[in-house]
Amino acid sequence: MFKSVLVANRGEIACRVFRTARRMGLRTIAVYSEADAQALHVREADEAVLIGPAAARESYLDAAKVLAAAKATGAEAIHPGYGFLSENADFAEAVAAAGIVWIGPKPSSIRAMGLKDAAKKLMIEAGVPVTPGYQGEDQSLETLTAEANRIGFPVLIKAVAGGGGKGMRKVDRAEDFAENLASAQREGQSSFGDPRVLIESYITRPRHIEVQVFGDSHGNVVHLHERDCSLQRRHQKVIEEAPAPGMDQATRDAVTAAAVRAAKAVDYQGAGTIEFIADASDGLKADRIWFMEMNTRLQVEHPVTESITGVDLVEWQLRVAAGQPIPLAQADIPMKGWAMEARLYAEDPANGFLPSIGRLDHFVIPDDIRVDTGVMQGGEVSQFYDPMIAKLIVHEDTREAAAARLADACRDVEVWPVKTNAGFMARCLEHPRFVEGDVDTGFIAAEEGALIAPAQVSARALAAATGQIGLEADAAAFDAPDNVLAPTRAGLFGFRLNAAPQAHTAVHH
């Protein structure tokens, strides 16, 4: 086993990797930009190296600077986290060429799964079911139009190098196809440097099911069951859970077996995720679930898998990268209880989910659940990076108990003056459709009116505020479903003769 690890990332994933590395007795090394000089991941590392200005392309995305930091500190291994350079095959090769252990899959595996069209062809050869569509080389307007008509509308246009919903367009009518195609191609070119697209049949009630897989250098590949990541907003995941609601054992066996075949097809090593799209119009059925793509890295939502299996996936990554076999055989990997994760974003749901940046003057998060975070009170939410500031993770015996506990945890979040989506997530978790497991990727869009309610004073906020000025509150009149996200202020204003005093309470949600 190597003795030191550099995390080529920032925020909560860097802190998450450091936590396991410290437990295993490894020296931890952080890299940081000028904007992150006081960040939590910098403070938690044994050593930290400044690698450039705030802009990611000049710091975290600069492979040469990251490698220089590794060499300067004597780092024996590099963990890429997720995002940034995590799925960059050239970077993985450069790390190995420098004599440093790459904690991730082989570059050939990254490349094989990096382009959606090539990956689908490979999956077809491996006997993995794929979404009906077209992933051919001919990218002419005539051919793509003909294929869309053959598949039947609605169709989904997807950039072959896409991710995060970029370069993706749903087309309902044939007459709108050319315009949407051109738009997807432009976005693919600007975002990924590749205008090529593939076309898929659009699933009217899609569920996003993914399977955690793991391989080692000894030929072993296992799965760690499935996750459901269907609760999304504009293709970005909001709440994830494991296992998937409504999945019977026969369907689970079929999907996980397909995921293992997919990983074996690219000789996969390390942690990876096989993502499937399911047609949930008639429940989850094995013949209505298709391969979508593979993420050749650790996923943001990996804690829910850790919760139901009792496995530390980062520890597995470190051990497999050091040449050790996977610690457990497939039959020995448990699936116990139900886990859910909510992504706490610094954003304003009432204002179109715009990012909310600034100093975290007040930041209190629950201490009775697992919380993965990369910020602390007094820290900054920067405009330069993803606005996710924490992940709230719960594990209970049942799905109903997990949803209720996670909703309570969201209500217990206190943040000021930065705005967050905590109240929004609590309403998602308590919505009758979610509680019943009736969720697909269109859930948030369909229920947005109920989920994005105006901020109101909660009973706790009113009690805290009025208590400061000796007034009594009727808590029953203030039972709005929003959590308290900030300290309250109360006082007497506008005093004048012959006029009643006026009490004012300000609460930030």
Protein backbone atom coordinates (compact mmCIF):
# COMPACT_ATOMS: atom_id res chain seq x y z
CA MET A 1 0.00 0.00 0.00
CA PHE A 2 1.23 3.48 -0.86
CA LYS A 3 1.80 5.86 2.04
CA SER A 4 0.42 9.14 0.71
CA VAL A 5 -2.44 10.32 -1.48
CA LEU A 6 -3.10 13.62 -3.22
CA VAL A 7 -6.71 14.46 -4.02
CA ALA A 8 -6.94 16.34 -7.31
CA ASN A 9 -10.22 17.96 -6.32
CA ARG A 10 -11.85 20.26 -3.80
CA GLY A 11 -14.83 20.56 -1.48
CA GLU A 12 -16.74 17.72 0.05
CA ILE A 13 -15.27 14.93 -2.08
CA ALA A 14 -11.72 15.92 -1.11
CA CYS A 15 -12.75 15.93 2.57
CA ARG A 16 -14.49 12.58 2.06
CA VAL A 17 -11.38 10.91 0.61
CA PHE A 18 -9.17 12.42 3.31
CA ARG A 19 -11.41 10.93 6.01
CA THR A 20 -10.81 7.37 4.81
CA ALA A 21 -7.15 7.98 3.97
CA ARG A 22 -6.46 9.24 7.50
CA ARG A 23 -8.18 6.20 8.99
CA MET A 24 -5.89 4.01 6.89
CA GLY A 25 -2.81 5.88 8.09
CA LEU A 26 -2.04 7.65 4.81
CA ARG A 27 -0.54 11.14 4.48
CA THR A 28 -3.08 13.43 2.84
CA ILE A 29 -2.25 16.18 0.34
CA ALA A 30 -4.62 18.84 -0.97
CA VAL A 31 -4.39 21.13 -3.96
CA TYR A 32 -6.23 24.42 -3.97
CA SER A 33 -6.91 27.56 -5.97
CA GLU A 34 -6.55 31.10 -4.72
CA ALA A 35 -10.29 31.18 -4.06
CA ASP A 36 -9.98 28.10 -1.82
CA ALA A 37 -7.05 29.23 0.33
CA GLN A 38 -9.18 28.98 3.51
CA ALA A 39 -11.34 26.07 2.37
CA LEU A 40 -12.14 23.13 4.61
CA HIS A 41 -10.35 20.57 2.42
CA VAL A 42 -7.17 22.65 2.68
CA ARG A 43 -7.40 22.77 6.47
CA GLU A 44 -8.07 19.05 6.80
CA ALA A 45 -5.11 17.88 4.69
CA ASP A 46 -1.68 17.18 6.13
CA GLU A 47 -0.18 19.29 3.36
CA ALA A 48 -1.63 21.64 0.75
CA VAL A 49 -0.31 23.16 -2.46
CA LEU A 50 -1.55 26.28 -4.26
CA ILE A 51 -1.96 25.46 -7.94
CA GLY A 52 -3.41 28.61 -9.50
CA PRO A 53 -6.11 31.27 -9.76
CA ALA A 54 -9.77 30.76 -8.94
CA ALA A 55 -10.84 29.73 -12.43
CA ALA A 56 -10.93 25.93 -12.61
CA ARG A 57 -9.25 25.81 -16.02
CA GLU A 58 -6.23 27.55 -14.47
CA SER A 59 -6.10 25.38 -11.36
CA TYR A 60 -8.11 22.19 -10.81
CA LEU A 61 -8.34 21.43 -14.53
CA ASP A 62 -4.66 22.09 -15.19
CA ALA A 63 -3.21 18.58 -15.26
CA ALA A 64 0.40 19.83 -15.39
CA LYS A 65 -0.03 21.86 -12.21
CA VAL A 66 -1.65 18.97 -10.37
CA LEU A 67 1.16 16.63 -11.39
CA ALA A 68 3.77 19.19 -10.37
CA ALA A 69 2.15 19.41 -6.93
CA ALA A 70 2.20 15.63 -6.60
CA LYS A 71 5.89 15.47 -7.49
CA ALA A 72 6.80 18.35 -5.19
CA THR A 73 5.10 16.74 -2.19
CA GLY A 74 6.19 13.19 -2.91
CA ALA A 75 2.63 11.97 -3.34
CA GLU A 76 2.59 8.26 -4.14
CA ALA A 77 -1.00 8.19 -5.41
CA ILE A 78 -3.60 10.55 -6.87
CA HIS A 79 -7.34 10.30 -6.27
CA PRO A 80 -9.29 12.42 -8.77
CA GLY A 81 -12.61 12.59 -6.91
CA TYR A 82 -15.44 13.30 -9.35
CA GLY A 83 -15.71 16.02 -11.96
CA PHE A 84 -12.64 18.00 -13.03
CA LEU A 85 -9.99 15.49 -14.22
CA SER A 86 -11.66 12.33 -12.93
CA GLU A 87 -12.62 10.96 -16.37
CA ASN A 88 -9.69 12.38 -18.30
CA ALA A 89 -7.85 9.42 -19.83
CA ASP A 90 -4.85 11.56 -20.83
CA PHE A 91 -4.43 12.69 -17.24
CA ALA A 92 -4.67 9.12 -15.98
CA GLU A 93 -1.91 8.13 -18.40
CA ALA A 94 0.26 11.06 -17.34
CA VAL A 95 -0.12 10.09 -13.68
CA ALA A 96 1.01 6.53 -14.38
CA ALA A 97 3.87 7.76 -16.60
CA ALA A 98 5.10 9.87 -13.68
CA GLY A 99 5.36 6.75 -11.52
CA ILE A 100 2.36 7.73 -9.40
CA VAL A 101 -0.55 5.37 -8.64
CA TRP A 102 -3.77 6.37 -10.38
CA ILE A 103 -6.77 5.66 -8.16
CA GLY A 104 -9.24 4.97 -10.92
CA PRO A 105 -9.93 2.77 -13.94
CA LYS A 106 -7.48 2.13 -16.74
CA PRO A 107 -7.31 4.88 -19.37
CA SER A 108 -8.57 2.41 -21.99
CA SER A 109 -11.74 1.85 -19.94
CA ILE A 110 -12.29 5.58 -19.57
CA ARG A 111 -11.97 6.05 -23.32
CA ALA A 112 -14.21 3.08 -24.13
CA MET A 113 -17.06 4.55 -22.08
CA GLY A 114 -16.33 8.23 -22.70
CA LEU A 115 -18.38 8.59 -25.88
CA LYS A 116 -22.03 7.59 -25.65
CA ASP A 117 -22.30 6.24 -29.19
CA ALA A 118 -19.20 4.03 -28.95
CA ALA A 119 -20.23 2.83 -25.49
CA LYS A 120 -23.67 1.78 -26.74
CA LYS A 121 -22.13 -0.22 -29.58
CA LEU A 122 -19.83 -1.94 -27.11
CA MET A 123 -22.75 -2.75 -24.83
CA ILE A 124 -24.72 -4.26 -27.69
CA GLU A 125 -21.78 -6.56 -28.40
CA ALA A 126 -21.65 -7.51 -24.70
CA GLY A 127 -25.34 -8.45 -24.64
CA VAL A 128 -26.39 -5.47 -22.53
CA PRO A 129 -29.82 -4.06 -23.47
CA VAL A 130 -29.63 -0.49 -24.84
CA THR A 131 -32.27 2.13 -25.53
CA PRO A 132 -33.69 1.84 -29.07
CA GLY A 133 -32.08 4.51 -31.24
CA TYR A 134 -29.34 5.50 -33.67
CA GLN A 135 -25.64 5.89 -32.87
CA GLY A 136 -24.15 5.72 -36.36
CA GLU A 137 -21.25 7.57 -37.93
CA ASP A 138 -23.33 9.33 -40.58
CA GLN A 139 -24.18 12.69 -39.01
CA SER A 140 -25.83 14.30 -42.01
CA LEU A 141 -29.14 16.07 -41.51
CA GLU A 142 -30.80 13.72 -43.97
CA THR A 143 -29.70 10.55 -42.19
CA LEU A 144 -30.43 11.83 -38.69
CA THR A 145 -33.87 13.02 -39.79
CA ALA A 146 -34.64 9.67 -41.39
CA GLU A 147 -33.51 7.81 -38.26
CA ALA A 148 -35.64 10.02 -36.02
CA ASN A 149 -38.67 9.25 -38.18
CA ARG A 150 -37.84 5.52 -38.05
CA ILE A 151 -37.56 5.55 -34.24
CA GLY A 152 -40.76 7.54 -33.88
CA PHE A 153 -41.44 10.78 -32.03
CA PRO A 154 -40.85 11.88 -29.37
CA VAL A 155 -37.10 11.34 -29.62
CA LEU A 156 -34.15 12.48 -27.54
CA ILE A 157 -31.09 14.03 -29.21
CA LYS A 158 -27.94 13.60 -27.11
CA ALA A 159 -24.40 14.85 -27.63
CA VAL A 160 -22.14 11.78 -27.82
CA ALA A 161 -19.65 13.40 -25.43
CA GLY A 162 -22.36 14.96 -23.28
CA GLY A 163 -23.15 15.01 -19.60
CA GLY A 164 -25.25 16.97 -17.13
CA GLY A 165 -28.00 17.51 -19.68
CA LYS A 166 -25.80 19.56 -22.02
CA GLY A 167 -26.30 18.88 -25.72
CA MET A 168 -29.59 17.15 -24.99
CA ARG A 169 -32.92 18.00 -26.62
CA LYS A 170 -36.33 16.36 -26.51
CA VAL A 171 -38.19 16.65 -29.83
CA ASP A 172 -41.92 15.98 -29.93
CA ARG A 173 -42.65 16.69 -33.59
CA ALA A 174 -40.86 15.96 -36.86
CA GLU A 175 -41.10 19.58 -37.97
CA ASP A 176 -39.07 20.68 -34.91
CA PHE A 177 -36.28 18.16 -35.41
CA ALA A 178 -33.84 20.16 -37.58
CA GLU A 179 -33.90 23.20 -35.29
CA ASN A 180 -33.32 21.13 -32.13
CA LEU A 181 -30.61 19.10 -33.84
CA ALA A 182 -28.69 22.23 -34.75
CA SER A 183 -29.04 23.54 -31.19
CA ALA A 184 -27.78 20.26 -29.66
CA GLN A 185 -24.84 20.17 -32.07
CA ARG A 186 -23.85 23.74 -31.21
CA GLU A 187 -23.98 23.01 -27.50
CA GLY A 188 -22.04 19.78 -27.94
CA GLN A 189 -19.34 21.64 -29.82
CA SER A 190 -19.10 24.49 -27.30
CA SER A 191 -19.27 22.29 -24.19
CA PHE A 192 -17.27 19.25 -25.28
CA GLY A 193 -15.57 20.17 -28.53
CA ASP A 194 -17.61 17.52 -30.34
CA PRO A 195 -20.82 18.26 -32.30
CA ARG A 196 -21.77 14.61 -32.93
CA VAL A 197 -25.05 13.32 -31.57
CA LEU A 198 -26.99 10.13 -31.14
CA ILE A 199 -30.76 9.72 -31.18
CA GLU A 200 -32.83 7.67 -28.76
CA SER A 201 -36.47 6.85 -28.32
CA TYR A 202 -37.84 9.19 -25.66
CA ILE A 203 -39.16 7.34 -22.63
CA THR A 204 -42.36 9.04 -21.48
CA ARG A 205 -42.07 8.00 -17.80
CA PRO A 206 -38.34 7.56 -17.28
CA ARG A 207 -36.72 6.32 -14.08
CA HIS A 208 -32.98 6.75 -13.61
CA ILE A 209 -31.59 3.50 -12.19
CA GLU A 210 -27.86 2.99 -11.70
CA VAL A 211 -25.75 0.10 -10.45
CA GLN A 212 -22.54 0.50 -8.49
CA VAL A 213 -19.88 -1.81 -9.91
CA PHE A 214 -16.34 -2.53 -8.79
CA GLY A 215 -13.49 -4.36 -10.48
CA ASP A 216 -9.92 -5.22 -9.56
CA SER A 217 -6.70 -6.25 -11.31
CA HIS A 218 -7.32 -9.92 -10.47
CA GLY A 219 -10.27 -10.31 -12.82
CA ASN A 220 -12.99 -9.85 -10.22
CA VAL A 221 -16.04 -7.68 -10.92
CA VAL A 222 -18.93 -7.28 -8.48
CA HIS A 223 -21.95 -5.05 -8.08
CA LEU A 224 -23.12 -3.34 -4.91
CA HIS A 225 -26.81 -3.23 -5.84
CA GLU A 226 -28.73 -0.38 -7.39
CA ARG A 227 -29.59 3.23 -6.67
CA ASP A 228 -32.55 5.28 -7.86
CA CYS A 229 -31.64 8.82 -8.94
CA SER A 230 -34.91 9.75 -10.61
CA LEU A 231 -35.62 12.87 -8.55
CA GLN A 232 -33.95 15.37 -10.86
CA ARG A 233 -34.30 18.96 -11.92
CA ARG A 234 -33.20 19.69 -15.49
CA HIS A 235 -31.13 16.49 -15.60
CA GLN A 236 -29.37 17.32 -12.31
CA LYS A 237 -29.91 14.89 -9.44
CA VAL A 238 -31.50 16.25 -6.26
CA ILE A 239 -32.33 13.25 -4.06
CA GLU A 240 -30.98 9.72 -4.47
CA GLU A 241 -31.87 6.49 -2.71
CA ALA A 242 -30.92 2.85 -2.45
CA PRO A 243 -32.41 0.43 -3.18
CA ALA A 244 -34.80 1.47 -5.97
CA PRO A 245 -38.45 1.61 -4.89
CA GLY A 246 -40.69 -0.90 -6.61
CA MET A 247 -37.89 -3.13 -7.90
CA ASP A 248 -38.49 -6.84 -7.38
CA GLN A 249 -35.67 -9.33 -7.01
CA ALA A 250 -35.99 -10.76 -10.51
CA THR A 251 -35.63 -7.31 -12.07
CA ARG A 252 -32.77 -6.48 -9.70
CA ASP A 253 -30.94 -9.65 -10.69
CA ALA A 254 -31.33 -8.86 -14.38
CA VAL A 255 -30.16 -5.25 -14.09
CA THR A 256 -27.18 -5.96 -11.83
CA ALA A 257 -26.08 -8.87 -14.04
CA ALA A 258 -26.20 -6.58 -17.07
CA ALA A 259 -24.11 -4.02 -15.17
CA VAL A 260 -21.45 -6.60 -14.36
CA ARG A 261 -21.34 -7.67 -18.03
CA ALA A 262 -20.88 -4.04 -19.02
CA ALA A 263 -17.96 -3.58 -16.62
CA LYS A 264 -16.30 -6.80 -17.74
CA ALA A 265 -16.61 -5.71 -21.38
CA VAL A 266 -14.10 -2.92 -20.74
CA ASP A 267 -11.92 -4.85 -18.24
CA TYR A 268 -12.97 -2.42 -15.55
CA GLN A 269 -10.95 -1.73 -12.41
CA GLY A 270 -12.00 0.46 -9.51
CA ALA A 271 -15.34 2.11 -8.76
CA GLY A 272 -17.79 2.79 -11.57
CA THR A 273 -21.47 3.24 -12.22
CA ILE A 274 -23.59 1.72 -14.97
CA GLU A 275 -26.55 3.99 -15.59
CA PHE A 276 -29.84 2.66 -16.93
CA ILE A 277 -33.04 4.32 -18.04
CA ALA A 278 -36.27 2.53 -17.19
CA ASP A 279 -39.74 2.94 -18.67
CA ALA A 280 -41.80 3.17 -15.48
CA SER A 281 -45.18 3.52 -17.19
CA ASP A 282 -46.06 0.03 -15.96
CA GLY A 283 -43.68 -0.42 -13.04
CA LEU A 284 -40.07 -1.60 -13.16
CA LYS A 285 -39.63 -4.59 -15.45
CA ALA A 286 -36.43 -6.21 -16.66
CA ASP A 287 -37.36 -5.93 -20.34
CA ARG A 288 -38.06 -2.20 -20.00
CA ILE A 289 -34.69 -1.11 -18.56
CA TRP A 290 -31.87 -0.12 -20.90
CA PHE A 291 -28.21 0.87 -20.65
CA MET A 292 -27.69 4.62 -20.88
CA GLU A 293 -24.03 5.31 -20.03
CA MET A 294 -21.17 4.50 -17.67
CA ASN A 295 -19.51 6.89 -15.26
CA THR A 296 -15.90 5.78 -14.83
CA ARG A 297 -15.43 7.28 -11.38
CA LEU A 298 -16.91 7.49 -7.92
CA GLN A 299 -20.37 9.08 -7.96
CA VAL A 300 -21.67 11.95 -5.84
CA GLU A 301 -24.37 9.60 -4.51
CA HIS A 302 -22.01 6.82 -3.41
CA PRO A 303 -22.91 7.29 0.32
CA VAL A 304 -26.32 5.64 -0.11
CA THR A 305 -24.61 2.51 -1.43
CA GLU A 306 -22.15 2.62 1.47
CA SER A 307 -25.07 2.89 3.88
CA ILE A 308 -26.97 -0.21 2.71
CA THR A 309 -23.85 -2.36 2.23
CA GLY A 310 -21.63 -1.22 5.11
CA VAL A 311 -18.77 -0.86 2.61
CA ASP A 312 -16.35 2.08 2.48
CA LEU A 313 -16.04 2.54 -1.29
CA VAL A 314 -13.10 4.91 -0.98
CA GLU A 315 -11.20 2.30 1.01
CA TRP A 316 -11.95 -0.22 -1.74
CA GLN A 317 -10.65 2.28 -4.30
CA LEU A 318 -7.39 2.72 -2.41
CA ARG A 319 -6.87 -1.01 -1.88
CA VAL A 320 -7.67 -1.96 -5.48
CA ALA A 321 -5.39 0.78 -6.80
CA ALA A 322 -2.63 -0.69 -4.64
CA GLY A 323 -3.11 -4.05 -6.38
CA GLN A 324 -5.20 -5.76 -3.73
CA PRO A 325 -8.31 -7.82 -4.64
CA ILE A 326 -11.85 -6.67 -3.89
CA PRO A 327 -12.38 -7.38 -0.16
CA LEU A 328 -15.74 -9.16 -0.55
CA ALA A 329 -17.17 -11.77 -2.88
CA GLN A 330 -20.51 -11.01 -4.54
CA ALA A 331 -22.46 -13.30 -2.22
CA ASP A 332 -21.03 -11.53 0.83
CA ILE A 333 -22.15 -8.00 -0.11
CA PRO A 334 -25.25 -7.24 1.97
CA MET A 335 -28.20 -4.97 1.25
CA LYS A 336 -29.71 -3.76 4.50
CA GLY A 337 -32.38 -1.14 5.08
CA TRP A 338 -32.97 1.99 3.05
CA ALA A 339 -30.72 4.99 2.47
CA MET A 340 -31.42 8.44 1.03
CA GLU A 341 -29.22 11.39 0.17
CA ALA A 342 -30.23 15.02 -0.37
CA ARG A 343 -27.89 17.45 -2.11
CA LEU A 344 -27.81 20.76 -0.26
CA TYR A 345 -27.17 23.51 -2.79
CA ALA A 346 -26.46 27.19 -2.24
CA GLU A 347 -29.25 28.31 -4.53
CA ASP A 348 -32.56 30.13 -4.41
CA PRO A 349 -35.52 27.94 -5.49
CA ALA A 350 -37.86 30.93 -5.36
CA ASN A 351 -35.68 32.77 -7.86
CA GLY A 352 -35.25 30.15 -10.55
CA PHE A 353 -32.69 28.17 -8.51
CA LEU A 354 -30.04 30.79 -9.18
CA PRO A 355 -26.79 30.14 -7.27
CA SER A 356 -26.51 32.04 -3.99
CA ILE A 357 -22.92 32.98 -3.25
CA GLY A 358 -21.18 34.70 -0.37
CA ARG A 359 -19.97 34.19 3.17
CA LEU A 360 -21.61 31.60 5.40
CA ASP A 361 -22.05 33.76 8.49
CA HIS A 362 -24.25 31.09 10.02
CA PHE A 363 -23.99 27.44 8.99
CA VAL A 364 -25.46 24.71 11.17
CA ILE A 365 -26.25 21.24 9.86
CA PRO A 366 -27.65 18.19 11.68
CA ASP A 367 -25.16 16.23 13.76
CA ASP A 368 -27.24 13.06 14.15
CA ILE A 369 -26.94 11.90 10.52
CA ARG A 370 -24.10 11.49 8.06
CA VAL A 371 -23.15 14.79 6.46
CA ASP A 372 -20.48 15.07 3.76
CA THR A 373 -19.51 18.71 3.35
CA GLY A 374 -16.65 20.86 2.16
CA VAL A 375 -17.61 24.12 3.84
CA MET A 376 -17.84 25.48 7.38
CA GLN A 377 -19.26 28.47 9.17
CA GLY A 378 -17.34 31.56 8.14
CA GLY A 379 -16.39 30.02 4.81
CA GLU A 380 -17.29 31.25 1.35
CA VAL A 381 -19.54 29.88 -1.36
CA SER A 382 -17.64 30.84 -4.49
CA GLN A 383 -19.02 31.82 -7.88
CA PHE A 384 -16.31 29.75 -9.53
CA TYR A 385 -17.46 26.25 -8.53
CA ASP A 386 -20.48 23.99 -8.20
CA PRO A 387 -22.90 25.39 -5.56
CA MET A 388 -23.37 22.07 -3.72
CA ILE A 389 -22.27 22.68 -0.14
CA ALA A 390 -23.23 19.43 1.58
CA LYS A 391 -24.87 16.04 1.25
CA LEU A 392 -27.31 14.88 3.93
CA ILE A 393 -27.46 11.08 4.18
CA VAL A 394 -29.79 8.92 6.27
CA HIS A 395 -30.16 5.16 6.71
CA GLU A 396 -33.27 3.57 8.19
CA ASP A 397 -35.00 0.19 8.17
CA THR A 398 -37.72 1.31 5.74
CA ARG A 399 -38.11 3.79 2.92
CA GLU A 400 -40.87 5.65 4.76
CA ALA A 401 -38.66 6.13 7.82
CA ALA A 402 -35.72 7.24 5.69
CA ALA A 403 -37.80 9.87 3.86
CA ALA A 404 -39.24 11.23 7.10
CA ARG A 405 -35.87 11.46 8.78
CA LEU A 406 -34.25 13.13 5.80
CA ALA A 407 -37.09 15.67 5.62
CA ASP A 408 -36.52 16.47 9.31
CA ALA A 409 -32.79 16.84 8.65
CA CYS A 410 -33.47 19.29 5.83
CA ARG A 411 -35.62 21.35 8.17
CA ASP A 412 -32.84 21.43 10.75
CA VAL A 413 -30.42 23.10 8.33
CA GLU A 414 -29.59 26.70 9.28
CA VAL A 415 -27.78 28.91 6.77
CA TRP A 416 -27.43 32.70 6.65
CA PRO A 417 -27.28 34.85 4.54
CA VAL A 418 -26.74 32.41 1.67
CA LYS A 419 -29.95 30.80 0.47
CA THR A 420 -30.32 27.02 0.08
CA ASN A 421 -32.73 24.43 -1.32
CA ALA A 422 -33.30 22.77 2.08
CA GLY A 423 -36.99 23.68 2.34
CA PHE A 424 -37.54 22.64 -1.26
CA MET A 425 -36.04 19.21 -0.58
CA ALA A 426 -38.15 18.74 2.54
CA ARG A 427 -41.28 19.36 0.49
CA CYS A 428 -40.08 16.87 -2.14
CA LEU A 429 -39.53 14.21 0.51
CA GLU A 430 -42.97 14.74 2.05
CA HIS A 431 -44.92 14.99 -1.19
CA PRO A 432 -47.53 12.18 -1.37
CA ARG A 433 -46.24 10.99 -4.75
CA PHE A 434 -42.69 10.68 -3.47
CA VAL A 435 -43.79 8.92 -0.29
CA GLU A 436 -45.66 6.39 -2.43
CA GLY A 437 -42.60 5.85 -4.64
CA ASP A 438 -44.42 7.33 -7.64
CA VAL A 439 -41.37 9.19 -8.95
CA ASP A 440 -39.86 9.67 -12.37
CA THR A 441 -37.47 12.22 -13.81
CA GLY A 442 -40.36 14.58 -14.56
CA PHE A 443 -41.60 14.66 -10.96
CA ILE A 444 -40.14 18.06 -10.00
CA ALA A 445 -41.26 19.77 -13.20
CA ALA A 446 -44.79 18.38 -12.78
CA GLU A 447 -45.10 19.32 -9.11
CA GLU A 448 -43.03 22.52 -9.12
CA GLY A 449 -45.88 24.74 -7.94
CA ALA A 450 -46.27 22.78 -4.72
CA LEU A 451 -42.55 22.27 -4.19
CA ILE A 452 -41.47 25.89 -4.57
CA ALA A 453 -43.70 27.55 -2.02
CA PRO A 454 -43.19 31.12 -0.81
CA ALA A 455 -41.05 31.33 2.32
CA GLN A 456 -43.11 31.58 5.50
CA VAL A 457 -42.28 31.91 9.15
CA SER A 458 -42.13 28.53 10.89
CA ALA A 459 -43.35 27.93 14.43
CA ARG A 460 -39.80 27.63 15.73
CA ALA A 461 -38.71 30.84 14.05
CA LEU A 462 -41.68 32.76 15.42
CA ALA A 463 -41.20 31.38 18.91
CA ALA A 464 -37.52 32.28 18.89
CA ALA A 465 -38.18 35.77 17.61
CA THR A 466 -41.12 36.68 19.81
CA GLY A 467 -39.38 35.20 22.82
CA GLN A 468 -36.78 37.94 22.54
CA ILE A 469 -39.37 40.69 23.01
CA GLY A 470 -41.63 39.00 25.52
CA LEU A 471 -44.49 38.15 23.17
CA GLU A 472 -46.35 34.88 22.88
CA ALA A 473 -46.83 33.19 19.51
CA ASP A 474 -49.65 31.04 18.25
CA ALA A 475 -47.43 28.30 16.81
CA ALA A 476 -50.37 26.52 15.24
CA ALA A 477 -50.89 29.48 12.96
CA PHE A 478 -47.35 29.18 11.63
CA ASP A 479 -46.98 25.51 10.73
CA ALA A 480 -45.65 26.17 7.24
CA PRO A 481 -43.41 23.39 5.91
CA ASP A 482 -40.29 25.54 5.63
CA ASN A 483 -37.29 24.97 7.84
CA VAL A 484 -35.50 27.71 9.74
CA LEU A 485 -32.44 28.59 7.71
CA ALA A 486 -31.17 31.57 9.67
CA PRO A 487 -31.14 33.28 13.05
CA THR A 488 -34.12 35.53 13.68
CA ARG A 489 -34.16 39.18 14.62
CA ALA A 490 -36.89 40.94 16.54
CA GLY A 491 -37.43 44.44 17.85
CA LEU A 492 -39.75 47.41 18.28
CA PHE A 493 -39.86 49.94 15.48
CA GLY A 494 -41.69 53.15 14.58
CA PHE A 495 -42.54 54.36 18.12
CA ARG A 496 -44.62 57.52 18.27
CA LEU A 497 -47.06 59.07 20.71
CA ASN A 498 -50.60 57.69 20.66
CA ALA A 499 -49.60 54.77 18.40
CA ALA A 500 -49.25 51.11 19.22
CA PRO A 501 -45.71 49.64 19.15
CA GLN A 502 -44.94 47.58 16.08
CA ALA A 503 -43.14 44.24 16.31
CA HIS A 504 -41.05 43.18 13.33
CA THR A 505 -39.59 39.74 12.73
CA ALA A 506 -37.16 38.96 9.91
CA VAL A 507 -36.51 35.36 9.01
CA HIS A 508 -34.41 34.17 6.07
CA HIS A 509 -35.39 30.94 4.32
